[in-house]
C-alpha cells in the first residue's frame, strides 16, 4: 500500500496526473483548489485500498491542507503511467463521522 502511495505522490510532484471529469465537478462543488488537493496527497495517508477496483488499483487518501482542511481523494495510475484523480470531496456527515471514520450506518 505504501508503495502505491509513493508512486502516486511521485507523479503528482512531477505534475504527471489528470483530473477526471467527475473529480472536476466534485472539486468545484466543494470549492477545493488544485493546490489543496496536491497538499493533501503529498502529506496524506491511505484510508482505504481498492486493489480489485474495475478501473484499476485505486485508493482513498486522506490528507490535510496547511490550513487544516481535511480532503479525501481517490487515485489510480492509468495505463500511460500518469496518476488519475477519480474523485475528491470533503469528508462530512452523513457519510463520514470524522475524516478517518466512515459512518457504517450509511453503507448498510
PDB file of N, CA and C in Angstrom:
ATOM      1  N   UNK A   1       0.816  -1.194   0.000  1.00  0.00           N
ATOM      2  CA  UNK A   1       0.000   0.000   0.000  1.00  0.00           C
ATOM      3  C   UNK A   1       0.866   1.267   0.000  1.00  0.00           C
ATOM      4  N   UNK A   2       1.896   1.276   0.829  1.00  0.00           N
ATOM      5  CA  UNK A   2       2.750   2.462   0.904  1.00  0.00           C
ATOM      6  C   UNK A   2       3.498   2.697  -0.401  1.00  0.00           C
ATOM      7  N   UNK A   3       3.833   1.611  -1.106  1.00  0.00           N
ATOM      8  CA  UNK A   3       4.496   1.766  -2.394  1.00  0.00           C
ATOM      9  C   UNK A   3       3.553   2.422  -3.404  1.00  0.00           C
ATOM     10  N   UNK A   4       2.285   2.058  -3.365  1.00  0.00           N
ATOM     11  CA  UNK A   4       1.297   2.651  -4.267  1.00  0.00           C
ATOM     12  C   UNK A   4       1.160   4.148  -3.963  1.00  0.00           C
ATOM     13  N   UNK A   5       1.109   4.499  -2.685  1.00  0.00           N
ATOM     14  CA  UNK A   5       1.026   5.904  -2.291  1.00  0.00           C
ATOM     15  C   UNK A   5       2.273   6.653  -2.768  1.00  0.00           C
ATOM     16  N   UNK A   6       3.431   6.050  -2.623  1.00  0.00           N
ATOM     17  CA  UNK A   6       4.672   6.673  -3.085  1.00  0.00           C
ATOM     18  C   UNK A   6       4.616   6.927  -4.586  1.00  0.00           C
ATOM     19  N   UNK A   7       4.116   5.958  -5.351  1.00  0.00           N
ATOM     20  CA  UNK A   7       4.015   6.110  -6.800  1.00  0.00           C
ATOM     21  C   UNK A   7       3.076   7.266  -7.168  1.00  0.00           C
ATOM     22  N   UNK A   8       1.965   7.367  -6.491  1.00  0.00           N
ATOM     23  CA  UNK A   8       1.018   8.455  -6.762  1.00  0.00           C
ATOM     24  C   UNK A   8       1.671   9.794  -6.425  1.00  0.00           C
ATOM     25  N   UNK A   9       2.313   9.866  -5.263  1.00  0.00           N
ATOM     26  CA  UNK A   9       2.962  11.122  -4.853  1.00  0.00           C
ATOM     27  C   UNK A   9       4.026  11.560  -5.852  1.00  0.00           C
ATOM     28  N   UNK A  10       4.829  10.605  -6.318  1.00  0.00           N
ATOM     29  CA  UNK A  10       5.877  10.942  -7.291  1.00  0.00           C
ATOM     30  C   UNK A  10       5.278  11.568  -8.546  1.00  0.00           C
ATOM     31  N   UNK A  11       4.205  10.977  -9.022  1.00  0.00           N
ATOM     32  CA  UNK A  11       3.553  11.505 -10.233  1.00  0.00           C
ATOM     33  C   UNK A  11       2.938  12.881  -9.988  1.00  0.00           C
ATOM     34  N   UNK A  12       2.329  13.059  -8.832  1.00  0.00           N
ATOM     35  CA  UNK A  12       1.730  14.357  -8.506  1.00  0.00           C
ATOM     36  C   UNK A  12       2.832  15.416  -8.416  1.00  0.00           C
ATOM     37  N   UNK A  13       3.940  15.100  -7.767  1.00  0.00           N
ATOM     38  CA  UNK A  13       5.058  16.050  -7.663  1.00  0.00           C
ATOM     39  C   UNK A  13       5.560  16.472  -9.043  1.00  0.00           C
ATOM     40  N   UNK A  14       5.597  15.525  -9.971  1.00  0.00           N
ATOM     41  CA  UNK A  14       6.082  15.808 -11.338  1.00  0.00           C
ATOM     42  C   UNK A  14       4.978  16.360 -12.242  1.00  0.00           C
ATOM     43  N   UNK A  15       3.794  16.575 -11.671  1.00  0.00           N
ATOM     44  CA  UNK A  15       2.619  17.054 -12.417  1.00  0.00           C
ATOM     45  C   UNK A  15       2.243  16.097 -13.542  1.00  0.00           C
ATOM     46  N   UNK A  16       2.438  14.810 -13.282  1.00  0.00           N
ATOM     47  CA  UNK A  16       2.058  13.750 -14.218  1.00  0.00           C
ATOM     48  C   UNK A  16       0.756  13.116 -13.735  1.00  0.00           C
ATOM     49  N   UNK A  17      -0.296  13.903 -13.791  1.00  0.00           N
ATOM     50  CA  UNK A  17      -1.601  13.407 -13.359  1.00  0.00           C
ATOM     51  C   UNK A  17      -2.684  14.080 -14.179  1.00  0.00           C
ATOM     52  N   UNK A  18      -3.850  13.461 -14.152  1.00  0.00           N
ATOM     53  CA  UNK A  18      -5.017  14.053 -14.792  1.00  0.00           C
ATOM     54  C   UNK A  18      -6.169  14.020 -13.802  1.00  0.00           C
ATOM     55  N   UNK A  19      -7.112  14.909 -14.013  1.00  0.00           N
ATOM     56  CA  UNK A  19      -8.289  15.008 -13.151  1.00  0.00           C
ATOM     57  C   UNK A  19      -9.484  14.564 -13.986  1.00  0.00           C
ATOM     58  N   UNK A  20     -10.201  13.555 -13.507  1.00  0.00           N
ATOM     59  CA  UNK A  20     -11.370  13.077 -14.234  1.00  0.00           C
ATOM     60  C   UNK A  20     -12.442  14.166 -14.268  1.00  0.00           C
ATOM     61  N   UNK A  21     -13.355  14.045 -15.223  1.00  0.00           N
ATOM     62  CA  UNK A  21     -14.462  14.996 -15.319  1.00  0.00           C
ATOM     63  C   UNK A  21     -15.280  14.977 -14.029  1.00  0.00           C
ATOM     64  N   UNK A  22     -15.505  13.786 -13.476  1.00  0.00           N
ATOM     65  CA  UNK A  22     -16.259  13.670 -12.223  1.00  0.00           C
ATOM     66  C   UNK A  22     -15.537  14.402 -11.094  1.00  0.00           C
ATOM     67  N   UNK A  23     -14.222  14.203 -10.992  1.00  0.00           N
ATOM     68  CA  UNK A  23     -13.461  14.858  -9.929  1.00  0.00           C
ATOM     69  C   UNK A  23     -13.497  16.375 -10.085  1.00  0.00           C
ATOM     70  N   UNK A  24     -13.470  16.846 -11.322  1.00  0.00           N
ATOM     71  CA  UNK A  24     -13.518  18.288 -11.558  1.00  0.00           C
ATOM     72  C   UNK A  24     -14.866  18.863 -11.099  1.00  0.00           C
ATOM     73  N   UNK A  25     -15.942  18.154 -11.375  1.00  0.00           N
ATOM     74  CA  UNK A  25     -17.273  18.591 -10.920  1.00  0.00           C
ATOM     75  C   UNK A  25     -17.325  18.628  -9.395  1.00  0.00           C
ATOM     76  N   UNK A  26     -16.838  17.567  -8.756  1.00  0.00           N
ATOM     77  CA  UNK A  26     -16.846  17.500  -7.292  1.00  0.00           C
ATOM     78  C   UNK A  26     -15.938  18.571  -6.691  1.00  0.00           C
ATOM     79  N   UNK A  27     -14.771  18.776  -7.305  1.00  0.00           N
ATOM     80  CA  UNK A  27     -13.822  19.781  -6.824  1.00  0.00           C
ATOM     81  C   UNK A  27     -14.466  21.168  -6.822  1.00  0.00           C
ATOM     82  N   UNK A  28     -15.123  21.493  -7.912  1.00  0.00           N
ATOM     83  CA  UNK A  28     -15.776  22.795  -7.997  1.00  0.00           C
ATOM     84  C   UNK A  28     -16.937  22.913  -7.007  1.00  0.00           C
ATOM     85  N   UNK A  29     -17.734  21.850  -6.874  1.00  0.00           N
ATOM     86  CA  UNK A  29     -18.881  21.879  -5.951  1.00  0.00           C
ATOM     87  C   UNK A  29     -18.435  22.055  -4.503  1.00  0.00           C
ATOM     88  N   UNK A  30     -17.306  21.447  -4.161  1.00  0.00           N
ATOM     89  CA  UNK A  30     -16.795  21.512  -2.782  1.00  0.00           C
ATOM     90  C   UNK A  30     -15.840  22.696  -2.582  1.00  0.00           C
ATOM     91  N   UNK A  31     -15.594  23.453  -3.656  1.00  0.00           N
ATOM     92  CA  UNK A  31     -14.672  24.590  -3.613  1.00  0.00           C
ATOM     93  C   UNK A  31     -13.289  24.186  -3.106  1.00  0.00           C
ATOM     94  N   UNK A  32     -12.763  23.120  -3.699  1.00  0.00           N
ATOM     95  CA  UNK A  32     -11.431  22.623  -3.373  1.00  0.00           C
ATOM     96  C   UNK A  32     -10.495  23.051  -4.506  1.00  0.00           C
ATOM     97  N   UNK A  33      -9.394  23.663  -4.155  1.00  0.00           N
ATOM     98  CA  UNK A  33      -8.452  24.098  -5.177  1.00  0.00           C
ATOM     99  C   UNK A  33      -7.475  22.972  -5.531  1.00  0.00           C
ATOM    100  N   UNK A  34      -6.890  23.068  -6.694  1.00  0.00           N
ATOM    101  CA  UNK A  34      -5.893  22.071  -7.085  1.00  0.00           C
ATOM    102  C   UNK A  34      -4.693  22.106  -6.139  1.00  0.00           C
ATOM    103  N   UNK A  35      -4.178  23.277  -5.746  1.00  0.00           N
ATOM    104  CA  UNK A  35      -3.090  23.264  -4.758  1.00  0.00           C
ATOM    105  C   UNK A  35      -3.469  22.571  -3.440  1.00  0.00           C
ATOM    106  N   UNK A  36      -4.724  22.695  -3.027  1.00  0.00           N
ATOM    107  CA  UNK A  36      -5.156  21.987  -1.811  1.00  0.00           C
ATOM    108  C   UNK A  36      -5.118  20.471  -2.022  1.00  0.00           C
ATOM    109  N   UNK A  37      -5.547  20.016  -3.190  1.00  0.00           N
ATOM    110  CA  UNK A  37      -5.509  18.583  -3.487  1.00  0.00           C
ATOM    111  C   UNK A  37      -4.072  18.086  -3.449  1.00  0.00           C
ATOM    112  N   UNK A  38      -3.178  18.829  -4.064  1.00  0.00           N
ATOM    113  CA  UNK A  38      -1.762  18.445  -4.086  1.00  0.00           C
ATOM    114  C   UNK A  38      -1.206  18.389  -2.668  1.00  0.00           C
ATOM    115  N   UNK A  39      -1.468  19.409  -1.854  1.00  0.00           N
ATOM    116  CA  UNK A  39      -1.030  19.414  -0.448  1.00  0.00           C
ATOM    117  C   UNK A  39      -1.517  18.163   0.275  1.00  0.00           C
ATOM    118  N   UNK A  40      -2.796  17.874   0.116  1.00  0.00           N
ATOM    119  CA  UNK A  40      -3.413  16.751   0.827  1.00  0.00           C
ATOM    120  C   UNK A  40      -2.814  15.413   0.403  1.00  0.00           C
ATOM    121  N   UNK A  41      -2.533  15.255  -0.880  1.00  0.00           N
ATOM    122  CA  UNK A  41      -1.956  13.985  -1.354  1.00  0.00           C
ATOM    123  C   UNK A  41      -0.518  13.834  -0.876  1.00  0.00           C
ATOM    124  N   UNK A  42       0.239  14.896  -0.925  1.00  0.00           N
ATOM    125  CA  UNK A  42       1.652  14.811  -0.564  1.00  0.00           C
ATOM    126  C   UNK A  42       1.880  14.577   0.921  1.00  0.00           C
ATOM    127  N   UNK A  43       0.893  14.895   1.752  1.00  0.00           N
ATOM    128  CA  UNK A  43       1.039  14.695   3.195  1.00  0.00           C
ATOM    129  C   UNK A  43       0.080  13.635   3.727  1.00  0.00           C
ATOM    130  N   UNK A  44      -0.728  13.055   2.851  1.00  0.00           N
ATOM    131  CA  UNK A  44      -1.814  12.186   3.291  1.00  0.00           C
ATOM    132  C   UNK A  44      -1.426  10.747   3.566  1.00  0.00           C
ATOM    133  N   UNK A  45      -2.457   9.993   3.903  1.00  0.00           N
ATOM    134  CA  UNK A  45      -2.327   8.564   4.185  1.00  0.00           C
ATOM    135  C   UNK A  45      -3.442   7.828   3.459  1.00  0.00           C
ATOM    136  N   UNK A  46      -3.186   6.569   3.148  1.00  0.00           N
ATOM    137  CA  UNK A  46      -4.223   5.752   2.530  1.00  0.00           C
ATOM    138  C   UNK A  46      -5.186   5.288   3.621  1.00  0.00           C
ATOM    139  N   UNK A  47      -6.459   5.652   3.445  1.00  0.00           N
ATOM    140  CA  UNK A  47      -7.504   5.191   4.366  1.00  0.00           C
ATOM    141  C   UNK A  47      -8.074   3.862   3.914  1.00  0.00           C
ATOM    142  N   UNK A  48      -8.299   3.730   2.613  1.00  0.00           N
ATOM    143  CA  UNK A  48      -8.876   2.514   2.052  1.00  0.00           C
ATOM    144  C   UNK A  48      -8.137   2.187   0.760  1.00  0.00           C
ATOM    145  N   UNK A  49      -7.846   0.914   0.577  1.00  0.00           N
ATOM    146  CA  UNK A  49      -7.145   0.439  -0.615  1.00  0.00           C
ATOM    147  C   UNK A  49      -8.113  -0.418  -1.412  1.00  0.00           C
ATOM    148  N   UNK A  50      -8.175  -0.196  -2.712  1.00  0.00           N
ATOM    149  CA  UNK A  50      -9.098  -0.921  -3.578  1.00  0.00           C
ATOM    150  C   UNK A  50      -8.323  -1.628  -4.691  1.00  0.00           C
ATOM    151  N   UNK A  51      -7.598  -2.704  -4.365  1.00  0.00           N
ATOM    152  CA  UNK A  51      -6.782  -3.371  -5.384  1.00  0.00           C
ATOM    153  C   UNK A  51      -7.599  -4.036  -6.491  1.00  0.00           C
ATOM    154  N   UNK A  52      -8.864  -4.341  -6.231  1.00  0.00           N
ATOM    155  CA  UNK A  52      -9.707  -5.017  -7.221  1.00  0.00           C
ATOM    156  C   UNK A  52     -10.643  -4.061  -7.957  1.00  0.00           C
ATOM    157  N   UNK A  53     -10.440  -2.770  -7.830  1.00  0.00           N
ATOM    158  CA  UNK A  53     -11.300  -1.778  -8.498  1.00  0.00           C
ATOM    159  C   UNK A  53     -11.299  -2.040 -10.003  1.00  0.00           C
ATOM    160  N   UNK A  54     -12.475  -2.100 -10.640  1.00  0.00           N
ATOM    161  CA  UNK A  54     -12.543  -2.355 -12.084  1.00  0.00           C
ATOM    162  C   UNK A  54     -11.791  -1.316 -12.930  1.00  0.00           C
ATOM    163  N   UNK A  55     -11.613  -0.109 -12.380  1.00  0.00           N
ATOM    164  CA  UNK A  55     -10.868   0.939 -13.097  1.00  0.00           C
ATOM    165  C   UNK A  55      -9.368   0.749 -12.966  1.00  0.00           C
ATOM    166  N   UNK A  56      -8.961  -0.218 -12.167  1.00  0.00           N
ATOM    167  CA  UNK A  56      -7.550  -0.435 -11.835  1.00  0.00           C
ATOM    168  C   UNK A  56      -7.344  -0.162 -10.361  1.00  0.00           C
ATOM    169  N   UNK A  57      -6.250  -0.662  -9.834  1.00  0.00           N
ATOM    170  CA  UNK A  57      -5.932  -0.473  -8.424  1.00  0.00           C
ATOM    171  C   UNK A  57      -6.097   1.005  -8.078  1.00  0.00           C
ATOM    172  N   UNK A  58      -6.848   1.295  -7.035  1.00  0.00           N
ATOM    173  CA  UNK A  58      -7.045   2.671  -6.597  1.00  0.00           C
ATOM    174  C   UNK A  58      -7.039   2.713  -5.078  1.00  0.00           C
ATOM    175  N   UNK A  59      -7.028   3.929  -4.551  1.00  0.00           N
ATOM    176  CA  UNK A  59      -7.034   4.081  -3.098  1.00  0.00           C
ATOM    177  C   UNK A  59      -7.655   5.412  -2.713  1.00  0.00           C
ATOM    178  N   UNK A  60      -8.204   5.438  -1.502  1.00  0.00           N
ATOM    179  CA  UNK A  60      -8.758   6.642  -0.901  1.00  0.00           C
ATOM    180  C   UNK A  60      -7.686   7.231   0.001  1.00  0.00           C
ATOM    181  N   UNK A  61      -7.300   8.473  -0.281  1.00  0.00           N
ATOM    182  CA  UNK A  61      -6.269   9.153   0.504  1.00  0.00           C
ATOM    183  C   UNK A  61      -6.932  10.260   1.322  1.00  0.00           C
ATOM    184  N   UNK A  62      -6.587  10.286   2.605  1.00  0.00           N
ATOM    185  CA  UNK A  62      -6.979  11.399   3.468  1.00  0.00           C
ATOM    186  C   UNK A  62      -5.753  12.260   3.681  1.00  0.00           C
ATOM    187  N   UNK A  63      -5.896  13.534   3.384  1.00  0.00           N
ATOM    188  CA  UNK A  63      -4.817  14.474   3.643  1.00  0.00           C
ATOM    189  C   UNK A  63      -5.384  15.776   4.164  1.00  0.00           C
ATOM    190  N   UNK A  64      -4.499  16.583   4.702  1.00  0.00           N
ATOM    191  CA  UNK A  64      -4.900  17.874   5.252  1.00  0.00           C
ATOM    192  C   UNK A  64      -4.114  18.982   4.567  1.00  0.00           C
ATOM    193  N   UNK A  65      -4.778  20.079   4.334  1.00  0.00           N
ATOM    194  CA  UNK A  65      -4.103  21.246   3.775  1.00  0.00           C
ATOM    195  C   UNK A  65      -3.317  21.930   4.891  1.00  0.00           C
ATOM    196  N   UNK A  66      -2.476  22.877   4.515  1.00  0.00           N
ATOM    197  CA  UNK A  66      -1.731  23.641   5.520  1.00  0.00           C
ATOM    198  C   UNK A  66      -2.679  24.378   6.460  1.00  0.00           C
ATOM    199  N   UNK A  67      -3.876  24.694   5.980  1.00  0.00           N
ATOM    200  CA  UNK A  67      -4.880  25.369   6.819  1.00  0.00           C
ATOM    201  C   UNK A  67      -5.669  24.389   7.681  1.00  0.00           C
ATOM    202  N   UNK A  68      -5.389  23.087   7.560  1.00  0.00           N
ATOM    203  CA  UNK A  68      -6.062  22.090   8.386  1.00  0.00           C
ATOM    204  C   UNK A  68      -7.337  21.524   7.800  1.00  0.00           C
ATOM    205  N   UNK A  69      -7.627  21.828   6.555  1.00  0.00           N
ATOM    206  CA  UNK A  69      -8.832  21.310   5.907  1.00  0.00           C
ATOM    207  C   UNK A  69      -8.617  19.858   5.475  1.00  0.00           C
ATOM    208  N   UNK A  70      -9.514  18.971   5.885  1.00  0.00           N
ATOM    209  CA  UNK A  70      -9.439  17.556   5.511  1.00  0.00           C
ATOM    210  C   UNK A  70      -9.979  17.367   4.099  1.00  0.00           C
ATOM    211  N   UNK A  71      -9.247  16.601   3.296  1.00  0.00           N
ATOM    212  CA  UNK A  71      -9.675  16.314   1.933  1.00  0.00           C
ATOM    213  C   UNK A  71      -9.507  14.819   1.672  1.00  0.00           C
ATOM    214  N   UNK A  72     -10.545  14.214   1.121  1.00  0.00           N
ATOM    215  CA  UNK A  72     -10.481  12.837   0.641  1.00  0.00           C
ATOM    216  C   UNK A  72     -10.319  12.873  -0.874  1.00  0.00           C
ATOM    217  N   UNK A  73      -9.439  12.041  -1.380  1.00  0.00           N
ATOM    218  CA  UNK A  73      -9.284  11.929  -2.833  1.00  0.00           C
ATOM    219  C   UNK A  73      -9.033  10.468  -3.181  1.00  0.00           C
ATOM    220  N   UNK A  74      -9.600  10.045  -4.297  1.00  0.00           N
ATOM    221  CA  UNK A  74      -9.411   8.675  -4.769  1.00  0.00           C
ATOM    222  C   UNK A  74      -8.550   8.741  -6.027  1.00  0.00           C
ATOM    223  N   UNK A  75      -7.483   7.951  -6.021  1.00  0.00           N
ATOM    224  CA  UNK A  75      -6.487   7.971  -7.086  1.00  0.00           C
ATOM    225  C   UNK A  75      -6.238   6.582  -7.652  1.00  0.00           C
ATOM    226  N   UNK A  76      -5.837   6.556  -8.910  1.00  0.00           N
ATOM    227  CA  UNK A  76      -5.364   5.344  -9.565  1.00  0.00           C
ATOM    228  C   UNK A  76      -4.182   5.737 -10.441  1.00  0.00           C
ATOM    229  N   UNK A  77      -3.538   4.753 -11.009  1.00  0.00           N
ATOM    230  CA  UNK A  77      -2.499   5.001 -12.014  1.00  0.00           C
ATOM    231  C   UNK A  77      -3.002   4.391 -13.309  1.00  0.00           C
ATOM    232  N   UNK A  78      -3.103   5.211 -14.327  1.00  0.00           N
ATOM    233  CA  UNK A  78      -3.671   4.774 -15.599  1.00  0.00           C
ATOM    234  C   UNK A  78      -2.579   4.141 -16.473  1.00  0.00           C
ATOM    235  N   UNK A  79      -2.990   3.399 -17.520  1.00  0.00           N
ATOM    236  CA  UNK A  79      -2.019   2.663 -18.337  1.00  0.00           C
ATOM    237  C   UNK A  79      -0.871   3.500 -18.910  1.00  0.00           C
ATOM    238  N   UNK A  80      -1.083   4.785 -19.177  1.00  0.00           N
ATOM    239  CA  UNK A  80       0.020   5.591 -19.720  1.00  0.00           C
ATOM    240  C   UNK A  80       1.017   6.034 -18.650  1.00  0.00           C
ATOM    241  N   UNK A  81       0.777   5.615 -17.391  1.00  0.00           N
ATOM    242  CA  UNK A  81       1.717   5.891 -16.312  1.00  0.00           C
ATOM    243  C   UNK A  81       1.387   7.093 -15.453  1.00  0.00           C
ATOM    244  N   UNK A  82       0.419   7.897 -15.859  1.00  0.00           N
ATOM    245  CA  UNK A  82       0.038   9.053 -15.051  1.00  0.00           C
ATOM    246  C   UNK A  82      -0.894   8.637 -13.906  1.00  0.00           C
ATOM    247  N   UNK A  83      -0.878   9.441 -12.850  1.00  0.00           N
ATOM    248  CA  UNK A  83      -1.860   9.266 -11.782  1.00  0.00           C
ATOM    249  C   UNK A  83      -3.156   9.907 -12.256  1.00  0.00           C
ATOM    250  N   UNK A  84      -4.267   9.366 -11.798  1.00  0.00           N
ATOM    251  CA  UNK A  84      -5.562   9.937 -12.175  1.00  0.00           C
ATOM    252  C   UNK A  84      -6.398  10.147 -10.925  1.00  0.00           C
ATOM    253  N   UNK A  85      -6.877  11.371 -10.753  1.00  0.00           N
ATOM    254  CA  UNK A  85      -7.780  11.701  -9.660  1.00  0.00           C
ATOM    255  C   UNK A  85      -9.181  11.296 -10.092  1.00  0.00           C
ATOM    256  N   UNK A  86      -9.749  10.322  -9.396  1.00  0.00           N
ATOM    257  CA  UNK A  86     -11.075   9.800  -9.741  1.00  0.00           C
ATOM    258  C   UNK A  86     -12.169  10.670  -9.130  1.00  0.00           C
ATOM    259  N   UNK A  87     -12.008  11.006  -7.857  1.00  0.00           N
ATOM    260  CA  UNK A  87     -12.955  11.889  -7.183  1.00  0.00           C
ATOM    261  C   UNK A  87     -12.267  12.577  -6.020  1.00  0.00           C
ATOM    262  N   UNK A  88     -12.865  13.643  -5.556  1.00  0.00           N
ATOM    263  CA  UNK A  88     -12.340  14.405  -4.426  1.00  0.00           C
ATOM    264  C   UNK A  88     -13.517  15.045  -3.699  1.00  0.00           C
ATOM    265  N   UNK A  89     -13.434  15.087  -2.365  1.00  0.00           N
ATOM    266  CA  UNK A  89     -14.520  15.668  -1.586  1.00  0.00           C
ATOM    267  C   UNK A  89     -14.048  15.958  -0.171  1.00  0.00           C
ATOM    268  N   UNK A  90     -14.854  16.701   0.545  1.00  0.00           N
ATOM    269  CA  UNK A  90     -14.620  16.987   1.965  1.00  0.00           C
ATOM    270  C   UNK A  90     -15.386  15.938   2.768  1.00  0.00           C
ATOM    271  N   UNK A  91     -14.712  15.166   3.613  1.00  0.00           N
ATOM    272  CA  UNK A  91     -15.427  14.153   4.406  1.00  0.00           C
ATOM    273  C   UNK A  91     -16.296  14.813   5.475  1.00  0.00           C
ATOM    274  N   UNK A  92     -17.587  14.496   5.433  1.00  0.00           N
ATOM    275  CA  UNK A  92     -18.502  15.094   6.395  1.00  0.00           C
ATOM    276  C   UNK A  92     -19.737  14.222   6.562  1.00  0.00           C
ATOM    277  N   UNK A  93     -20.504  14.520   7.581  1.00  0.00           N
ATOM    278  CA  UNK A  93     -21.768  13.815   7.803  1.00  0.00           C
ATOM    279  C   UNK A  93     -22.686  14.042   6.610  1.00  0.00           C
ATOM    280  N   UNK A  94     -23.485  13.086   6.235  1.00  0.00           N
ATOM    281  CA  UNK A  94     -23.784  11.849   6.947  1.00  0.00           C
ATOM    282  C   UNK A  94     -22.858  10.684   6.594  1.00  0.00           C
ATOM    283  N   UNK A  95     -22.045  10.780   5.559  1.00  0.00           N
ATOM    284  CA  UNK A  95     -21.222   9.635   5.143  1.00  0.00           C
ATOM    285  C   UNK A  95     -20.005   9.404   6.031  1.00  0.00           C
ATOM    286  N   UNK A  96     -19.480  10.463   6.638  1.00  0.00           N
ATOM    287  CA  UNK A  96     -18.276  10.356   7.459  1.00  0.00           C
ATOM    288  C   UNK A  96     -18.532  10.959   8.833  1.00  0.00           C
ATOM    289  N   UNK A  97     -18.168  10.228   9.881  1.00  0.00           N
ATOM    290  CA  UNK A  97     -18.304  10.717  11.250  1.00  0.00           C
ATOM    291  C   UNK A  97     -17.221  11.760  11.520  1.00  0.00           C
ATOM    292  N   UNK A  98     -16.023  11.458  11.080  1.00  0.00           N
ATOM    293  CA  UNK A  98     -14.887  12.369  11.121  1.00  0.00           C
ATOM    294  C   UNK A  98     -14.010  11.999   9.922  1.00  0.00           C
ATOM    295  N   UNK A  99     -12.934  12.719   9.648  1.00  0.00           N
ATOM    296  CA  UNK A  99     -12.163  12.435   8.438  1.00  0.00           C
ATOM    297  C   UNK A  99     -11.618  11.007   8.330  1.00  0.00           C
ATOM    298  N   UNK A 100     -11.468  10.323   9.462  1.00  0.00           N
ATOM    299  CA  UNK A 100     -10.928   8.963   9.457  1.00  0.00           C
ATOM    300  C   UNK A 100     -11.988   7.869   9.528  1.00  0.00           C
ATOM    301  N   UNK A 101     -13.222   8.216   9.882  1.00  0.00           N
ATOM    302  CA  UNK A 101     -14.223   7.205  10.220  1.00  0.00           C
ATOM    303  C   UNK A 101     -15.461   7.306   9.351  1.00  0.00           C
ATOM    304  N   UNK A 102     -15.673   6.243   8.558  1.00  0.00           N
ATOM    305  CA  UNK A 102     -16.864   6.154   7.711  1.00  0.00           C
ATOM    306  C   UNK A 102     -18.078   5.854   8.587  1.00  0.00           C
ATOM    307  N   UNK A 103     -19.200   6.462   8.282  1.00  0.00           N
ATOM    308  CA  UNK A 103     -20.443   6.193   9.012  1.00  0.00           C
ATOM    309  C   UNK A 103     -21.022   4.895   8.433  1.00  0.00           C
ATOM    310  N   UNK A 104     -20.800   3.807   9.121  1.00  0.00           N
ATOM    311  CA  UNK A 104     -21.200   2.482   8.617  1.00  0.00           C
ATOM    312  C   UNK A 104     -22.711   2.347   8.488  1.00  0.00           C
ATOM    313  N   UNK A 105     -23.479   3.124   9.215  1.00  0.00           N
ATOM    314  CA  UNK A 105     -24.934   3.030   9.101  1.00  0.00           C
ATOM    315  C   UNK A 105     -25.400   3.525   7.720  1.00  0.00           C
ATOM    316  N   UNK A 106     -24.573   4.313   7.029  1.00  0.00           N
ATOM    317  CA  UNK A 106     -24.908   4.817   5.697  1.00  0.00           C
ATOM    318  C   UNK A 106     -24.634   3.781   4.608  1.00  0.00           C
ATOM    319  N   UNK A 107     -23.854   2.738   4.910  1.00  0.00           N
ATOM    320  CA  UNK A 107     -23.462   1.764   3.888  1.00  0.00           C
ATOM    321  C   UNK A 107     -24.271   0.474   3.990  1.00  0.00           C
ATOM    322  N   UNK A 108     -25.181   0.396   4.914  1.00  0.00           N
ATOM    323  CA  UNK A 108     -25.941  -0.848   5.091  1.00  0.00           C
ATOM    324  C   UNK A 108     -27.257  -0.806   4.363  1.00  0.00           C
TER     325      UNK A 108
END
